[in-house]
Amino acid sequence: MSGFPVSMMSLIEEFSKMPGIGPKSAQRLAFYILRSSKDDAGALARSIVKVKESVRFCRVCNNLSDEETCDICKSHSRDRSLLCVVEEPNDIITIERAGNFSGVYHVLLGSLSPLDGIGPSDLKIKELLDRVKKGKFREIIIATDFNTEGEATSLYLSKVLKGSGARLTRVAYGIPVGGDLQYADQATIVKAFEGRRETKA
């Protein structure tokens, strides 16, 4: 790639920093931008800047929002006695698309991973505990992924939430072991929520 102009090399390097983008994919993306119209390239650049400037984490649940509080937390039609705990904002989109959950959410912004140095203090677990103490939840659904990190997070949450007074359940049926929630189809998500079970601390 040494024959590329400096500006092209710089763009390829920036794309290479993105997760899941290798050198060849970065090069293809750079060429796509090069072949795009100036208007399209400008629109993309403006969208990136706008996201950085306006998108933030909801002060209540840590979902993505353009305002201090996300649309779900502001909604008066949600069942506020039902709380679903997920790892990432992407998981909320997946569950909402399935259309069978009417409660509210709490996003941990990650999962426990001791090997990577990610412990409880690195996630929004303290905020979850504070929220549970203040709220009156009849059920807390733990919807972390069914991989090693997700299972470790679920087990930890079951222990720290045990005395909350709420029923603790874990999404179960339909989500494959080792699977990520955001990649599940709508029917699978529906079955996972219908088949949720009591958690064990």
Protein backbone atom coordinates (compact mmCIF):
# COMPACT_ATOMS: atom_id res chain seq x y z
CA MET A 1 0.00 0.00 0.00
CA SER A 2 3.05 2.26 -0.09
CA GLY A 3 2.00 3.57 -3.53
CA PHE A 4 -1.14 5.28 -2.13
CA PRO A 5 -1.25 9.03 -1.52
CA VAL A 6 -0.78 10.09 2.10
CA SER A 7 -4.45 11.10 2.47
CA MET A 8 -5.59 7.67 1.20
CA MET A 9 -3.21 5.88 3.56
CA SER A 10 -4.52 7.95 6.43
CA LEU A 11 -8.14 7.00 5.62
CA ILE A 12 -7.24 3.30 5.35
CA GLU A 13 -5.47 3.47 8.71
CA GLU A 14 -8.51 5.07 10.35
CA PHE A 15 -10.84 2.37 8.98
CA SER A 16 -8.38 -0.30 10.20
CA LYS A 17 -8.91 0.92 13.78
CA MET A 18 -12.56 -0.16 13.66
CA PRO A 19 -13.50 -3.51 15.24
CA GLY A 20 -13.73 -6.33 12.72
CA ILE A 21 -12.12 -4.31 9.92
CA GLY A 22 -8.87 -5.78 8.61
CA PRO A 23 -6.43 -4.17 6.14
CA LYS A 24 -8.26 -5.42 3.03
CA SER A 25 -11.69 -4.34 4.28
CA ALA A 26 -10.25 -0.95 5.26
CA GLN A 27 -8.82 -0.57 1.76
CA ARG A 28 -12.21 -1.45 0.17
CA LEU A 29 -13.99 1.09 2.38
CA ALA A 30 -11.45 3.76 1.49
CA PHE A 31 -11.96 3.11 -2.22
CA TYR A 32 -15.74 3.21 -1.71
CA ILE A 33 -15.38 6.68 -0.17
CA LEU A 34 -13.07 7.73 -3.01
CA ARG A 35 -15.61 6.66 -5.63
CA SER A 36 -18.54 8.26 -3.77
CA SER A 37 -19.76 11.70 -4.71
CA LYS A 38 -18.50 14.66 -2.71
CA ASP A 39 -22.02 15.13 -1.32
CA ASP A 40 -22.23 11.51 -0.11
CA ALA A 41 -18.79 11.68 1.47
CA GLY A 42 -19.73 14.96 3.15
CA ALA A 43 -22.99 13.50 4.46
CA LEU A 44 -21.08 10.58 5.98
CA ALA A 45 -18.54 12.90 7.62
CA ARG A 46 -21.31 15.10 9.03
CA SER A 47 -23.19 12.06 10.39
CA ILE A 48 -20.07 10.88 12.21
CA VAL A 49 -19.49 14.32 13.75
CA LYS A 50 -23.19 14.65 14.69
CA VAL A 51 -23.15 11.28 16.48
CA LYS A 52 -20.11 12.33 18.49
CA GLU A 53 -21.68 15.68 19.35
CA SER A 54 -25.29 14.71 20.11
CA VAL A 55 -25.56 11.03 21.11
CA ARG A 56 -25.10 10.30 24.80
CA PHE A 57 -26.03 7.64 27.33
CA CYS A 58 -29.43 7.96 29.00
CA ARG A 59 -28.95 9.16 32.60
CA VAL A 60 -31.48 6.55 33.79
CA CYS A 61 -30.73 3.33 31.89
CA ASN A 62 -27.55 4.00 29.81
CA ASN A 63 -29.35 3.46 26.50
CA LEU A 64 -28.27 5.67 23.61
CA SER A 65 -30.18 8.93 23.35
CA ASP A 66 -30.10 12.39 21.78
CA GLU A 67 -31.36 13.80 25.08
CA GLU A 68 -30.60 13.27 28.78
CA THR A 69 -33.33 10.63 29.02
CA CYS A 70 -34.12 8.08 26.29
CA ASP A 71 -37.57 7.60 24.73
CA ILE A 72 -38.17 4.32 26.59
CA CYS A 73 -37.47 5.84 30.01
CA LYS A 74 -39.68 8.85 29.16
CA SER A 75 -42.58 6.71 27.95
CA HIS A 76 -45.68 6.55 30.17
CA SER A 77 -46.84 3.30 28.56
CA ARG A 78 -43.97 1.12 29.84
CA ASP A 79 -44.38 -1.25 32.79
CA ARG A 80 -41.97 0.25 35.32
CA SER A 81 -42.22 -2.74 37.63
CA LEU A 82 -40.47 -4.91 35.03
CA LEU A 83 -36.73 -4.36 34.51
CA CYS A 84 -34.60 -6.06 31.86
CA VAL A 85 -30.81 -5.96 32.32
CA VAL A 86 -28.74 -6.15 29.12
CA GLU A 87 -25.09 -5.75 28.21
CA GLU A 88 -25.23 -3.21 25.38
CA PRO A 89 -27.69 -0.72 23.79
CA ASN A 90 -27.78 -3.01 20.72
CA ASP A 91 -29.56 -5.61 22.85
CA ILE A 92 -32.42 -3.19 23.55
CA ILE A 93 -32.97 -2.73 19.82
CA THR A 94 -33.11 -6.52 19.36
CA ILE A 95 -35.61 -7.03 22.19
CA GLU A 96 -37.78 -4.09 21.11
CA ARG A 97 -37.91 -5.43 17.57
CA ALA A 98 -39.37 -8.71 18.92
CA GLY A 99 -42.23 -6.66 20.38
CA ASN A 100 -43.15 -8.78 23.43
CA PHE A 101 -41.46 -6.84 26.24
CA SER A 102 -43.17 -3.77 27.70
CA GLY A 103 -40.92 -3.02 30.68
CA VAL A 104 -37.87 -0.80 31.09
CA TYR A 105 -34.16 -1.52 30.73
CA HIS A 106 -30.79 -1.15 32.38
CA VAL A 107 -27.68 -1.31 30.19
CA LEU A 108 -24.48 -2.50 31.87
CA LEU A 109 -22.27 -1.26 29.01
CA GLY A 110 -20.33 -4.51 28.91
CA SER A 111 -19.92 -7.80 30.74
CA LEU A 112 -17.61 -9.19 33.41
CA SER A 113 -14.35 -10.48 31.99
CA PRO A 114 -11.60 -11.03 34.61
CA LEU A 115 -9.12 -12.10 31.92
CA ASP A 116 -9.53 -8.69 30.28
CA GLY A 117 -9.46 -6.88 33.61
CA ILE A 118 -13.16 -5.97 33.49
CA GLY A 119 -14.73 -6.19 36.94
CA PRO A 120 -18.00 -5.02 38.52
CA SER A 121 -16.69 -1.48 39.01
CA ASP A 122 -16.11 -1.17 35.24
CA LEU A 123 -19.78 -1.78 34.48
CA LYS A 124 -22.97 0.08 35.42
CA ILE A 125 -23.71 -2.37 38.24
CA LYS A 126 -23.59 0.16 41.09
CA GLU A 127 -26.09 2.29 39.17
CA LEU A 128 -28.28 -0.80 38.75
CA LEU A 129 -28.23 -1.53 42.48
CA ASP A 130 -29.05 2.10 43.30
CA ARG A 131 -31.92 2.00 40.84
CA VAL A 132 -33.30 -1.24 42.27
CA LYS A 133 -33.19 0.21 45.81
CA LYS A 134 -35.17 3.26 44.73
CA GLY A 135 -37.60 1.50 42.41
CA LYS A 136 -40.35 -1.04 43.04
CA PHE A 137 -39.56 -3.81 40.57
CA ARG A 138 -41.62 -6.97 40.76
CA GLU A 139 -39.31 -8.76 38.31
CA ILE A 140 -35.76 -8.27 37.11
CA ILE A 141 -34.91 -10.14 33.92
CA ILE A 142 -31.22 -10.81 33.33
CA ALA A 143 -30.72 -10.88 29.54
CA THR A 144 -26.95 -11.07 29.23
CA ASP A 145 -25.38 -13.12 26.43
CA PHE A 146 -25.01 -16.89 26.74
CA ASN A 147 -21.22 -16.88 26.47
CA THR A 148 -18.62 -17.16 29.25
CA GLU A 149 -18.68 -13.44 30.06
CA GLY A 150 -22.47 -13.19 29.91
CA GLU A 151 -22.91 -16.20 32.18
CA ALA A 152 -20.39 -14.82 34.70
CA THR A 153 -22.24 -11.50 34.68
CA SER A 154 -25.60 -13.22 35.16
CA LEU A 155 -24.28 -15.23 38.12
CA TYR A 156 -22.81 -12.12 39.75
CA LEU A 157 -26.02 -10.12 39.27
CA SER A 158 -28.08 -12.97 40.73
CA LYS A 159 -25.96 -12.83 43.88
CA VAL A 160 -25.98 -9.06 44.38
CA LEU A 161 -29.70 -8.73 43.56
CA LYS A 162 -30.81 -11.70 45.65
CA GLY A 163 -32.20 -9.61 48.51
CA SER A 164 -33.89 -7.01 46.30
CA GLY A 165 -37.39 -8.39 46.84
CA ALA A 166 -37.94 -8.71 43.10
CA ARG A 167 -38.34 -11.98 41.24
CA LEU A 168 -35.05 -12.68 39.43
CA THR A 169 -35.28 -14.45 36.08
CA ARG A 170 -32.91 -15.27 33.24
CA VAL A 171 -33.86 -15.43 29.55
CA ALA A 172 -33.39 -19.02 28.56
CA TYR A 173 -35.21 -20.95 25.87
CA GLY A 174 -34.24 -20.11 22.31
CA ILE A 175 -30.89 -18.36 22.89
CA PRO A 176 -28.06 -20.76 21.97
CA VAL A 177 -25.13 -21.31 24.32
CA GLY A 178 -22.31 -19.03 23.21
CA GLY A 179 -24.78 -16.83 21.30
CA ASP A 180 -25.06 -13.05 21.38
CA LEU A 181 -28.50 -11.58 21.98
CA GLN A 182 -28.19 -8.98 19.20
CA TYR A 183 -27.83 -11.69 16.53
CA ALA A 184 -30.97 -13.60 17.53
CA ASP A 185 -34.07 -13.35 15.34
CA GLN A 186 -37.41 -11.99 16.59
CA ALA A 187 -39.04 -15.38 17.13
CA THR A 188 -36.06 -16.54 19.18
CA ILE A 189 -36.21 -13.45 21.39
CA VAL A 190 -39.95 -13.97 21.97
CA LYS A 191 -39.35 -17.60 23.02
CA ALA A 192 -36.43 -16.56 25.24
CA PHE A 193 -38.66 -14.16 27.17
CA GLU A 194 -41.58 -16.57 27.36
CA GLY A 195 -39.29 -19.31 28.69
CA ARG A 196 -37.35 -17.23 31.20
CA ARG A 197 -36.58 -19.01 34.47
CA GLU A 198 -35.70 -18.14 38.05
CA THR A 199 -32.02 -17.34 38.49
CA LYS A 200 -29.83 -19.13 41.00
CA ALA A 201 -27.33 -17.18 43.08
